[in-house]
PDB file of all heavy atoms in Angstrom:
ATOM      1  N   PHE A   1    -102.148 282.886 147.792  1.00  0.00           N
ATOM      2  CA  PHE A   1    -103.233 282.137 148.434  1.00  0.00           C
ATOM      3  C   PHE A   1    -104.487 282.108 147.577  1.00  0.00           C
ATOM      4  O   PHE A   1    -105.241 281.154 147.581  1.00  0.00           O
ATOM      5  CB  PHE A   1    -103.554 282.757 149.804  1.00  0.00           C
ATOM      6  CG  PHE A   1    -104.538 281.959 150.611  1.00  0.00           C
ATOM      7  CD1 PHE A   1    -104.102 280.932 151.438  1.00  0.00           C
ATOM      8  CD2 PHE A   1    -105.898 282.226 150.555  1.00  0.00           C
ATOM      9  CE1 PHE A   1    -105.003 280.196 152.196  1.00  0.00           C
ATOM     10  CE2 PHE A   1    -106.815 281.491 151.297  1.00  0.00           C
ATOM     11  CZ  PHE A   1    -106.356 280.464 152.124  1.00  0.00           C
ATOM     12  N   GLY A   2    -104.703 283.212 146.822  1.00  0.00           N
ATOM     13  CA  GLY A   2    -105.944 283.343 146.069  1.00  0.00           C
ATOM     14  C   GLY A   2    -106.997 284.019 146.918  1.00  0.00           C
ATOM     15  O   GLY A   2    -106.788 284.325 148.092  1.00  0.00           O
ATOM     16  N   LEU A   3    -108.172 284.248 146.326  1.00  0.00           N
ATOM     17  CA  LEU A   3    -109.263 284.904 147.058  1.00  0.00           C
ATOM     18  C   LEU A   3    -110.371 283.920 147.413  1.00  0.00           C
ATOM     19  O   LEU A   3    -111.488 284.324 147.728  1.00  0.00           O
ATOM     20  CB  LEU A   3    -109.834 286.059 146.223  1.00  0.00           C
ATOM     21  CG  LEU A   3    -108.871 287.214 145.955  1.00  0.00           C
ATOM     22  CD1 LEU A   3    -109.516 288.235 145.026  1.00  0.00           C
ATOM     23  CD2 LEU A   3    -108.473 287.894 147.264  1.00  0.00           C
ATOM     24  N   ALA A   4    -110.040 282.647 147.361  1.00  0.00           N
ATOM     25  CA  ALA A   4    -111.053 281.616 147.630  1.00  0.00           C
ATOM     26  C   ALA A   4    -111.186 281.371 149.132  1.00  0.00           C
ATOM     27  O   ALA A   4    -111.073 280.243 149.622  1.00  0.00           O
ATOM     28  CB  ALA A   4    -110.682 280.331 146.910  1.00  0.00           C
ATOM     29  N   PHE A   5    -111.437 282.444 149.887  1.00  0.00           N
ATOM     30  CA  PHE A   5    -111.631 282.304 151.321  1.00  0.00           C
ATOM     31  C   PHE A   5    -113.047 281.809 151.600  1.00  0.00           C
ATOM     32  O   PHE A   5    -113.995 282.138 150.875  1.00  0.00           O
ATOM     33  CB  PHE A   5    -111.426 283.646 152.035  1.00  0.00           C
ATOM     34  CG  PHE A   5    -110.046 284.220 151.883  1.00  0.00           C
ATOM     35  CD1 PHE A   5    -109.855 285.415 151.198  1.00  0.00           C
ATOM     36  CD2 PHE A   5    -108.946 283.590 152.430  1.00  0.00           C
ATOM     37  CE1 PHE A   5    -108.592 285.955 151.062  1.00  0.00           C
ATOM     38  CE2 PHE A   5    -107.673 284.119 152.302  1.00  0.00           C
ATOM     39  CZ  PHE A   5    -107.493 285.304 151.614  1.00  0.00           C
ATOM     40  N   SER A   6    -113.182 281.065 152.666  1.00  0.00           N
ATOM     41  CA  SER A   6    -114.516 280.689 153.123  1.00  0.00           C
ATOM     42  C   SER A   6    -115.140 281.890 153.825  1.00  0.00           C
ATOM     43  O   SER A   6    -114.450 282.885 154.113  1.00  0.00           O
ATOM     44  CB  SER A   6    -114.440 279.504 154.086  1.00  0.00           C
ATOM     45  OG  SER A   6    -113.770 279.884 155.276  1.00  0.00           O
ATOM     46  N   ALA A   7    -116.423 281.817 154.123  1.00  0.00           N
ATOM     47  CA  ALA A   7    -117.105 282.932 154.797  1.00  0.00           C
ATOM     48  C   ALA A   7    -116.467 283.209 156.152  1.00  0.00           C
ATOM     49  O   ALA A   7    -116.277 284.376 156.537  1.00  0.00           O
ATOM     50  CB  ALA A   7    -118.592 282.606 154.968  1.00  0.00           C
ATOM     51  N   SER A   8    -116.119 282.166 156.885  1.00  0.00           N
ATOM     52  CA  SER A   8    -115.505 282.356 158.204  1.00  0.00           C
ATOM     53  C   SER A   8    -114.110 282.972 158.068  1.00  0.00           C
ATOM     54  O   SER A   8    -113.707 283.820 158.880  1.00  0.00           O
ATOM     55  CB  SER A   8    -115.412 281.022 158.947  1.00  0.00           C
ATOM     56  OG  SER A   8    -114.609 280.100 158.243  1.00  0.00           O
ATOM     57  N   GLU A   9    -113.368 282.563 157.033  1.00  0.00           N
ATOM     58  CA  GLU A   9    -112.030 283.124 156.820  1.00  0.00           C
ATOM     59  C   GLU A   9    -112.116 284.598 156.444  1.00  0.00           C
ATOM     60  O   GLU A   9    -111.304 285.406 156.918  1.00  0.00           O
ATOM     61  CB  GLU A   9    -111.307 282.327 155.729  1.00  0.00           C
ATOM     62  CG  GLU A   9    -110.870 280.943 156.192  1.00  0.00           C
ATOM     63  CD  GLU A   9    -110.276 280.109 155.074  1.00  0.00           C
ATOM     64  OE1 GLU A   9    -110.572 280.397 153.891  1.00  0.00           O
ATOM     65  OE2 GLU A   9    -109.514 279.160 155.361  1.00  0.00           O
ATOM     66  N   TRP A  10    -113.082 284.960 155.594  1.00  0.00           N
ATOM     67  CA  TRP A  10    -113.288 286.368 155.261  1.00  0.00           C
ATOM     68  C   TRP A  10    -113.595 287.172 156.530  1.00  0.00           C
ATOM     69  O   TRP A  10    -113.094 288.281 156.713  1.00  0.00           O
ATOM     70  CB  TRP A  10    -114.418 286.531 154.251  1.00  0.00           C
ATOM     71  CG  TRP A  10    -113.993 286.435 152.822  1.00  0.00           C
ATOM     72  CD1 TRP A  10    -114.355 285.499 151.901  1.00  0.00           C
ATOM     73  CD2 TRP A  10    -113.118 287.348 152.124  1.00  0.00           C
ATOM     74  NE1 TRP A  10    -113.758 285.747 150.692  1.00  0.00           N
ATOM     75  CE2 TRP A  10    -112.997 286.876 150.788  1.00  0.00           C
ATOM     76  CE3 TRP A  10    -112.423 288.495 152.501  1.00  0.00           C
ATOM     77  CZ2 TRP A  10    -112.220 287.525 149.840  1.00  0.00           C
ATOM     78  CZ3 TRP A  10    -111.640 289.146 151.554  1.00  0.00           C
ATOM     79  CH2 TRP A  10    -111.546 288.661 150.246  1.00  0.00           C
ATOM     80  N   SER A  11    -114.430 286.613 157.398  1.00  0.00           N
ATOM     81  CA  SER A  11    -114.804 287.305 158.636  1.00  0.00           C
ATOM     82  C   SER A  11    -113.586 287.539 159.512  1.00  0.00           C
ATOM     83  O   SER A  11    -113.372 288.637 160.036  1.00  0.00           O
ATOM     84  CB  SER A  11    -115.847 286.488 159.400  1.00  0.00           C
ATOM     85  OG  SER A  11    -117.022 286.325 158.643  1.00  0.00           O
ATOM     86  N   ILE A  12    -112.776 286.498 159.665  1.00  0.00           N
ATOM     87  CA  ILE A  12    -111.564 286.604 160.484  1.00  0.00           C
ATOM     88  C   ILE A  12    -110.617 287.655 159.907  1.00  0.00           C
ATOM     89  O   ILE A  12    -110.080 288.503 160.632  1.00  0.00           O
ATOM     90  CB  ILE A  12    -110.855 285.233 160.573  1.00  0.00           C
ATOM     91  CG1 ILE A  12    -111.699 284.260 161.389  1.00  0.00           C
ATOM     92  CG2 ILE A  12    -109.460 285.378 161.183  1.00  0.00           C
ATOM     93  CD1 ILE A  12    -111.204 282.833 161.329  1.00  0.00           C
ATOM     94  N   LEU A  13    -110.429 287.624 158.597  1.00  0.00           N
ATOM     95  CA  LEU A  13    -109.506 288.541 157.935  1.00  0.00           C
ATOM     96  C   LEU A  13    -109.973 289.991 158.046  1.00  0.00           C
ATOM     97  O   LEU A  13    -109.196 290.886 158.407  1.00  0.00           O
ATOM     98  CB  LEU A  13    -109.362 288.157 156.465  1.00  0.00           C
ATOM     99  CG  LEU A  13    -108.276 288.872 155.658  1.00  0.00           C
ATOM    100  CD1 LEU A  13    -106.910 288.658 156.273  1.00  0.00           C
ATOM    101  CD2 LEU A  13    -108.299 288.378 154.209  1.00  0.00           C
ATOM    102  N   LEU A  14    -111.240 290.238 157.771  1.00  0.00           N
ATOM    103  CA  LEU A  14    -111.771 291.604 157.792  1.00  0.00           C
ATOM    104  C   LEU A  14    -111.803 292.169 159.209  1.00  0.00           C
ATOM    105  O   LEU A  14    -111.505 293.350 159.414  1.00  0.00           O
ATOM    106  CB  LEU A  14    -113.172 291.626 157.173  1.00  0.00           C
ATOM    107  CG  LEU A  14    -113.228 291.342 155.666  1.00  0.00           C
ATOM    108  CD1 LEU A  14    -114.666 291.266 155.180  1.00  0.00           C
ATOM    109  CD2 LEU A  14    -112.462 292.413 154.884  1.00  0.00           C
ATOM    110  N   VAL A  15    -112.167 291.350 160.185  1.00  0.00           N
ATOM    111  CA  VAL A  15    -112.168 291.809 161.579  1.00  0.00           C
ATOM    112  C   VAL A  15    -110.747 292.149 162.018  1.00  0.00           C
ATOM    113  O   VAL A  15    -110.503 293.189 162.645  1.00  0.00           O
ATOM    114  CB  VAL A  15    -112.775 290.737 162.512  1.00  0.00           C
ATOM    115  CG1 VAL A  15    -112.490 291.075 163.974  1.00  0.00           C
ATOM    116  CG2 VAL A  15    -114.276 290.632 162.289  1.00  0.00           C
ATOM    117  N   GLY A  16    -109.790 291.282 161.684  1.00  0.00           N
ATOM    118  CA  GLY A  16    -108.397 291.543 162.042  1.00  0.00           C
ATOM    119  C   GLY A  16    -107.889 292.838 161.442  1.00  0.00           C
ATOM    120  O   GLY A  16    -107.228 293.635 162.121  1.00  0.00           O
ATOM    121  N   MET A  17    -108.200 293.083 160.156  1.00  0.00           N
ATOM    122  CA  MET A  17    -107.758 294.316 159.492  1.00  0.00           C
ATOM    123  C   MET A  17    -108.414 295.543 160.104  1.00  0.00           C
ATOM    124  O   MET A  17    -107.761 296.575 160.314  1.00  0.00           O
ATOM    125  CB  MET A  17    -108.058 294.242 157.995  1.00  0.00           C
ATOM    126  CG  MET A  17    -107.141 293.326 157.222  1.00  0.00           C
ATOM    127  SD  MET A  17    -107.248 293.554 155.420  1.00  0.00           S
ATOM    128  CE  MET A  17    -108.950 293.090 155.130  1.00  0.00           C
ATOM    129  N   ALA A  18    -109.713 295.459 160.392  1.00  0.00           N
ATOM    130  CA  ALA A  18    -110.431 296.606 160.960  1.00  0.00           C
ATOM    131  C   ALA A  18    -109.869 296.974 162.335  1.00  0.00           C
ATOM    132  O   ALA A  18    -109.656 298.158 162.643  1.00  0.00           O
ATOM    133  CB  ALA A  18    -111.925 296.285 161.063  1.00  0.00           C
ATOM    134  N   VAL A  19    -109.632 295.967 163.165  1.00  0.00           N
ATOM    135  CA  VAL A  19    -109.073 296.230 164.498  1.00  0.00           C
ATOM    136  C   VAL A  19    -107.646 296.782 164.379  1.00  0.00           C
ATOM    137  O   VAL A  19    -107.278 297.726 165.082  1.00  0.00           O
ATOM    138  CB  VAL A  19    -109.085 294.949 165.349  1.00  0.00           C
ATOM    139  CG1 VAL A  19    -108.358 295.172 166.672  1.00  0.00           C
ATOM    140  CG2 VAL A  19    -110.521 294.500 165.606  1.00  0.00           C
ATOM    141  N   ALA A  20    -106.847 296.196 163.480  1.00  0.00           N
ATOM    142  CA  ALA A  20    -105.479 296.680 163.276  1.00  0.00           C
ATOM    143  C   ALA A  20    -105.484 298.144 162.845  1.00  0.00           C
ATOM    144  O   ALA A  20    -104.619 298.922 163.265  1.00  0.00           O
ATOM    145  CB  ALA A  20    -104.775 295.824 162.230  1.00  0.00           C
ATOM    146  N   PHE A  21    -106.449 298.529 162.021  1.00  0.00           N
ATOM    147  CA  PHE A  21    -106.565 299.926 161.575  1.00  0.00           C
ATOM    148  C   PHE A  21    -106.824 300.853 162.755  1.00  0.00           C
ATOM    149  O   PHE A  21    -106.122 301.851 162.959  1.00  0.00           O
ATOM    150  CB  PHE A  21    -107.686 300.061 160.550  1.00  0.00           C
ATOM    151  CG  PHE A  21    -108.053 301.493 160.247  1.00  0.00           C
ATOM    152  CD1 PHE A  21    -107.280 302.257 159.389  1.00  0.00           C
ATOM    153  CD2 PHE A  21    -109.165 302.085 160.838  1.00  0.00           C
ATOM    154  CE1 PHE A  21    -107.604 303.586 159.117  1.00  0.00           C
ATOM    155  CE2 PHE A  21    -109.502 303.402 160.569  1.00  0.00           C
ATOM    156  CZ  PHE A  21    -108.715 304.163 159.710  1.00  0.00           C
ATOM    157  N   GLY A  22    -107.847 300.536 163.552  1.00  0.00           N
ATOM    158  CA  GLY A  22    -108.201 301.408 164.674  1.00  0.00           C
ATOM    159  C   GLY A  22    -107.089 301.527 165.694  1.00  0.00           C
ATOM    160  O   GLY A  22    -106.771 302.630 166.164  1.00  0.00           O
ATOM    161  N   VAL A  23    -106.468 300.402 166.027  1.00  0.00           N
ATOM    162  CA  VAL A  23    -105.381 300.419 167.013  1.00  0.00           C
ATOM    163  C   VAL A  23    -104.163 301.161 166.453  1.00  0.00           C
ATOM    164  O   VAL A  23    -103.497 301.911 167.166  1.00  0.00           O
ATOM    165  CB  VAL A  23    -104.999 298.981 167.416  1.00  0.00           C
ATOM    166  CG1 VAL A  23    -103.772 298.979 168.318  1.00  0.00           C
ATOM    167  CG2 VAL A  23    -106.170 298.299 168.124  1.00  0.00           C
ATOM    168  N   SER A  24    -103.877 300.968 165.153  1.00  0.00           N
ATOM    169  CA  SER A  24    -102.733 301.640 164.526  1.00  0.00           C
ATOM    170  C   SER A  24    -102.877 303.152 164.586  1.00  0.00           C
ATOM    171  O   SER A  24    -101.891 303.869 164.826  1.00  0.00           O
ATOM    172  CB  SER A  24    -102.583 301.189 163.075  1.00  0.00           C
ATOM    173  OG  SER A  24    -102.165 299.853 162.990  1.00  0.00           O
ATOM    174  N   VAL A  25    -104.076 303.658 164.354  1.00  0.00           N
ATOM    175  CA  VAL A  25    -104.312 305.106 164.424  1.00  0.00           C
ATOM    176  C   VAL A  25    -103.918 305.634 165.803  1.00  0.00           C
ATOM    177  O   VAL A  25    -103.196 306.639 165.926  1.00  0.00           O
ATOM    178  CB  VAL A  25    -105.796 305.434 164.130  1.00  0.00           C
ATOM    179  CG1 VAL A  25    -106.096 306.898 164.475  1.00  0.00           C
ATOM    180  CG2 VAL A  25    -106.121 305.167 162.664  1.00  0.00           C
ATOM    181  N   ALA A  26    -104.372 304.941 166.843  1.00  0.00           N
ATOM    182  CA  ALA A  26    -104.067 305.382 168.208  1.00  0.00           C
ATOM    183  C   ALA A  26    -102.581 305.272 168.513  1.00  0.00           C
ATOM    184  O   ALA A  26    -101.982 306.176 169.122  1.00  0.00           O
ATOM    185  CB  ALA A  26    -104.880 304.546 169.196  1.00  0.00           C
ATOM    186  N   VAL A  27    -101.948 304.187 168.074  1.00  0.00           N
ATOM    187  CA  VAL A  27    -100.535 303.954 168.385  1.00  0.00           C
ATOM    188  C   VAL A  27     -99.631 304.949 167.653  1.00  0.00           C
ATOM    189  O   VAL A  27     -98.673 305.468 168.230  1.00  0.00           O
ATOM    190  CB  VAL A  27    -100.140 302.507 168.029  1.00  0.00           C
ATOM    191  CG1 VAL A  27     -98.631 302.326 168.083  1.00  0.00           C
ATOM    192  CG2 VAL A  27    -100.812 301.528 168.983  1.00  0.00           C
ATOM    193  N   ILE A  28     -99.938 305.232 166.390  1.00  0.00           N
ATOM    194  CA  ILE A  28     -99.125 306.190 165.632  1.00  0.00           C
ATOM    195  C   ILE A  28     -99.193 307.570 166.269  1.00  0.00           C
ATOM    196  O   ILE A  28     -98.183 308.263 166.415  1.00  0.00           O
ATOM    197  CB  ILE A  28     -99.578 306.244 164.160  1.00  0.00           C
ATOM    198  CG1 ILE A  28     -99.222 304.925 163.463  1.00  0.00           C
ATOM    199  CG2 ILE A  28     -98.924 307.408 163.432  1.00  0.00           C
ATOM    200  CD1 ILE A  28     -99.815 304.792 162.073  1.00  0.00           C
ATOM    201  N   ARG A  29    -100.400 307.970 166.660  1.00  0.00           N
ATOM    202  CA  ARG A  29    -100.555 309.268 167.326  1.00  0.00           C
ATOM    203  C   ARG A  29     -99.761 309.302 168.632  1.00  0.00           C
ATOM    204  O   ARG A  29     -99.095 310.287 168.951  1.00  0.00           O
ATOM    205  CB  ARG A  29    -102.032 309.541 167.595  1.00  0.00           C
ATOM    206  CG  ARG A  29    -102.816 309.946 166.348  1.00  0.00           C
ATOM    207  CD  ARG A  29    -104.292 310.073 166.655  1.00  0.00           C
ATOM    208  NE  ARG A  29    -105.018 310.639 165.521  1.00  0.00           N
ATOM    209  CZ  ARG A  29    -106.350 310.649 165.416  1.00  0.00           C
ATOM    210  NH1 ARG A  29    -107.082 310.119 166.387  1.00  0.00           N
ATOM    211  NH2 ARG A  29    -106.929 311.178 164.365  1.00  0.00           N
ATOM    212  N   PHE A  30     -99.838 308.211 169.391  1.00  0.00           N
ATOM    213  CA  PHE A  30     -99.084 308.142 170.647  1.00  0.00           C
ATOM    214  C   PHE A  30     -97.584 308.245 170.391  1.00  0.00           C
ATOM    215  O   PHE A  30     -96.882 309.006 171.055  1.00  0.00           O
ATOM    216  CB  PHE A  30     -99.392 306.821 171.362  1.00  0.00           C
ATOM    217  CG  PHE A  30     -98.347 306.431 172.381  1.00  0.00           C
ATOM    218  CD1 PHE A  30     -98.285 307.060 173.611  1.00  0.00           C
ATOM    219  CD2 PHE A  30     -97.394 305.450 172.079  1.00  0.00           C
ATOM    220  CE1 PHE A  30     -97.299 306.720 174.535  1.00  0.00           C
ATOM    221  CE2 PHE A  30     -96.414 305.106 172.994  1.00  0.00           C
ATOM    222  CZ  PHE A  30     -96.366 305.746 174.232  1.00  0.00           C
ATOM    223  N   LEU A  31     -97.085 307.457 169.428  1.00  0.00           N
ATOM    224  CA  LEU A  31     -95.647 307.415 169.178  1.00  0.00           C
ATOM    225  C   LEU A  31     -95.111 308.765 168.728  1.00  0.00           C
ATOM    226  O   LEU A  31     -94.045 309.207 169.190  1.00  0.00           O
ATOM    227  CB  LEU A  31     -95.326 306.353 168.121  1.00  0.00           C
ATOM    228  CG  LEU A  31     -93.837 306.154 167.810  1.00  0.00           C
ATOM    229  CD1 LEU A  31     -93.093 305.682 169.047  1.00  0.00           C
ATOM    230  CD2 LEU A  31     -93.648 305.155 166.673  1.00  0.00           C
ATOM    231  N   MET A  32     -95.838 309.443 167.836  1.00  0.00           N
ATOM    232  CA  MET A  32     -95.374 310.739 167.344  1.00  0.00           C
ATOM    233  C   MET A  32     -95.319 311.772 168.460  1.00  0.00           C
ATOM    234  O   MET A  32     -94.460 312.656 168.465  1.00  0.00           O
ATOM    235  CB  MET A  32     -96.275 311.228 166.204  1.00  0.00           C
ATOM    236  CG  MET A  32     -96.215 310.362 164.951  1.00  0.00           C
ATOM    237  SD  MET A  32     -94.528 310.078 164.332  1.00  0.00           S
ATOM    238  CE  MET A  32     -94.082 311.730 163.834  1.00  0.00           C
ATOM    239  N   GLY A  33     -96.233 311.671 169.416  1.00  0.00           N
ATOM    240  CA  GLY A  33     -96.180 312.570 170.566  1.00  0.00           C
ATOM    241  C   GLY A  33     -95.085 312.175 171.539  1.00  0.00           C
ATOM    242  O   GLY A  33     -94.381 313.031 172.084  1.00  0.00           O
ATOM    243  N   TYR A  34     -94.899 310.882 171.718  1.00  0.00           N
ATOM    244  CA  TYR A  34     -93.918 310.373 172.687  1.00  0.00           C
ATOM    245  C   TYR A  34     -92.486 310.744 172.305  1.00  0.00           C
ATOM    246  O   TYR A  34     -91.711 311.200 173.143  1.00  0.00           O
ATOM    247  CB  TYR A  34     -94.062 308.850 172.794  1.00  0.00           C
ATOM    248  CG  TYR A  34     -93.070 308.206 173.732  1.00  0.00           C
ATOM    249  CD1 TYR A  34     -93.357 308.101 175.101  1.00  0.00           C
ATOM    250  CD2 TYR A  34     -91.853 307.698 173.269  1.00  0.00           C
ATOM    251  CE1 TYR A  34     -92.442 307.514 175.970  1.00  0.00           C
ATOM    252  CE2 TYR A  34     -90.941 307.111 174.137  1.00  0.00           C
ATOM    253  CZ  TYR A  34     -91.239 307.025 175.481  1.00  0.00           C
ATOM    254  OH  TYR A  34     -90.334 306.449 176.337  1.00  0.00           O
ATOM    255  N   ILE A  35     -92.131 310.533 171.031  1.00  0.00           N
ATOM    256  CA  ILE A  35     -90.729 310.727 170.637  1.00  0.00           C
ATOM    257  C   ILE A  35     -90.348 312.202 170.525  1.00  0.00           C
ATOM    258  O   ILE A  35     -89.166 312.511 170.335  1.00  0.00           O
ATOM    259  CB  ILE A  35     -90.411 310.004 169.310  1.00  0.00           C
ATOM    260  CG1 ILE A  35     -91.305 310.526 168.181  1.00  0.00           C
ATOM    261  CG2 ILE A  35     -90.536 308.511 169.477  1.00  0.00           C
ATOM    262  CD1 ILE A  35     -90.991 309.889 166.837  1.00  0.00           C
ATOM    263  N   LYS A  36     -91.298 313.103 170.659  1.00  0.00           N
ATOM    264  CA  LYS A  36     -90.949 314.525 170.688  1.00  0.00           C
ATOM    265  C   LYS A  36     -90.264 314.891 171.998  1.00  0.00           C
ATOM    266  O   LYS A  36     -89.525 315.875 172.074  1.00  0.00           O
ATOM    267  CB  LYS A  36     -92.205 315.379 170.487  1.00  0.00           C
ATOM    268  CG  LYS A  36     -92.760 315.329 169.068  1.00  0.00           C
ATOM    269  CD  LYS A  36     -94.026 316.156 168.946  1.00  0.00           C
ATOM    270  CE  LYS A  36     -94.580 316.099 167.520  1.00  0.00           C
ATOM    271  NZ  LYS A  36     -95.839 316.857 167.372  1.00  0.00           N
ATOM    272  N   LYS A  37     -90.508 314.091 173.046  1.00  0.00           N
ATOM    273  CA  LYS A  37     -89.939 314.383 174.356  1.00  0.00           C
ATOM    274  C   LYS A  37     -89.065 313.257 174.905  1.00  0.00           C
ATOM    275  O   LYS A  37     -88.385 313.446 175.909  1.00  0.00           O
ATOM    276  CB  LYS A  37     -91.073 314.667 175.356  1.00  0.00           C
ATOM    277  CG  LYS A  37     -91.927 315.869 174.995  1.00  0.00           C
ATOM    278  CD  LYS A  37     -93.032 316.072 176.018  1.00  0.00           C
ATOM    279  CE  LYS A  37     -93.917 317.270 175.676  1.00  0.00           C
ATOM    280  NZ  LYS A  37     -95.009 317.458 176.669  1.00  0.00           N
ATOM    281  N   HIS A  38     -89.120 312.076 174.266  1.00  0.00           N
ATOM    282  CA  HIS A  38     -88.389 310.931 174.793  1.00  0.00           C
ATOM    283  C   HIS A  38     -87.592 310.247 173.685  1.00  0.00           C
ATOM    284  O   HIS A  38     -87.862 310.434 172.503  1.00  0.00           O
ATOM    285  CB  HIS A  38     -89.356 309.910 175.418  1.00  0.00           C
ATOM    286  CG  HIS A  38     -90.255 310.475 176.467  1.00  0.00           C
ATOM    287  ND1 HIS A  38     -91.449 311.112 176.159  1.00  0.00           N
ATOM    288  CD2 HIS A  38     -90.134 310.507 177.817  1.00  0.00           C
ATOM    289  CE1 HIS A  38     -92.031 311.505 177.281  1.00  0.00           C
ATOM    290  NE2 HIS A  38     -91.259 311.155 178.299  1.00  0.00           N
ATOM    291  N   ASP A  39     -86.630 309.421 174.089  1.00  0.00           N
ATOM    292  CA  ASP A  39     -85.862 308.651 173.116  1.00  0.00           C
ATOM    293  C   ASP A  39     -86.459 307.250 172.976  1.00  0.00           C
ATOM    294  O   ASP A  39     -87.524 306.945 173.537  1.00  0.00           O
ATOM    295  CB  ASP A  39     -84.383 308.592 173.493  1.00  0.00           C
ATOM    296  CG  ASP A  39     -84.165 307.985 174.890  1.00  0.00           C
ATOM    297  OD1 ASP A  39     -84.993 307.155 175.317  1.00  0.00           O
ATOM    298  OD2 ASP A  39     -83.169 308.341 175.542  1.00  0.00           O
ATOM    299  N   PHE A  40     -85.746 306.380 172.250  1.00  0.00           N
ATOM    300  CA  PHE A  40     -86.254 305.029 171.980  1.00  0.00           C
ATOM    301  C   PHE A  40     -85.721 303.979 172.959  1.00  0.00           C
ATOM    302  O   PHE A  40     -85.931 302.781 172.745  1.00  0.00           O
ATOM    303  CB  PHE A  40     -85.869 304.607 170.553  1.00  0.00           C
ATOM    304  CG  PHE A  40     -86.680 305.278 169.478  1.00  0.00           C
ATOM    305  CD1 PHE A  40     -86.154 306.318 168.731  1.00  0.00           C
ATOM    306  CD2 PHE A  40     -87.967 304.855 169.190  1.00  0.00           C
ATOM    307  CE1 PHE A  40     -86.889 306.934 167.730  1.00  0.00           C
ATOM    308  CE2 PHE A  40     -88.715 305.455 168.201  1.00  0.00           C
ATOM    309  CZ  PHE A  40     -88.181 306.495 167.458  1.00  0.00           C
ATOM    310  N   LYS A  41     -85.048 304.402 174.024  1.00  0.00           N
ATOM    311  CA  LYS A  41     -84.409 303.437 174.913  1.00  0.00           C
ATOM    312  C   LYS A  41     -85.395 302.463 175.543  1.00  0.00           C
ATOM    313  O   LYS A  41     -85.097 301.276 175.711  1.00  0.00           O
ATOM    314  CB  LYS A  41     -83.640 304.166 176.018  1.00  0.00           C
ATOM    315  CG  LYS A  41     -82.311 304.743 175.574  1.00  0.00           C
ATOM    316  CD  LYS A  41     -81.570 305.331 176.767  1.00  0.00           C
ATOM    317  CE  LYS A  41     -80.233 305.907 176.357  1.00  0.00           C
ATOM    318  NZ  LYS A  41     -79.501 306.482 177.514  1.00  0.00           N
ATOM    319  N   ILE A  42     -86.572 302.949 175.901  1.00  0.00           N
ATOM    320  CA  ILE A  42     -87.552 302.080 176.541  1.00  0.00           C
ATOM    321  C   ILE A  42     -87.907 300.895 175.644  1.00  0.00           C
ATOM    322  O   ILE A  42     -88.121 299.772 176.112  1.00  0.00           O
ATOM    323  CB  ILE A  42     -88.830 302.871 176.931  1.00  0.00           C
ATOM    324  CG1 ILE A  42     -89.748 301.974 177.778  1.00  0.00           C
ATOM    325  CG2 ILE A  42     -89.545 303.393 175.704  1.00  0.00           C
ATOM    326  CD1 ILE A  42     -90.923 302.726 178.366  1.00  0.00           C
TER     327      ILE A  42
END
């Protein structure tokens, strides 16, 4: 694609990555705790 993003595209991309980071931290912690006592059937 290149790095020729517009200002709005940069904003969309950076916000999406930042939110994905924060949510991923919470989800990974949840999953590692969950699978210690449960299986993947759900």
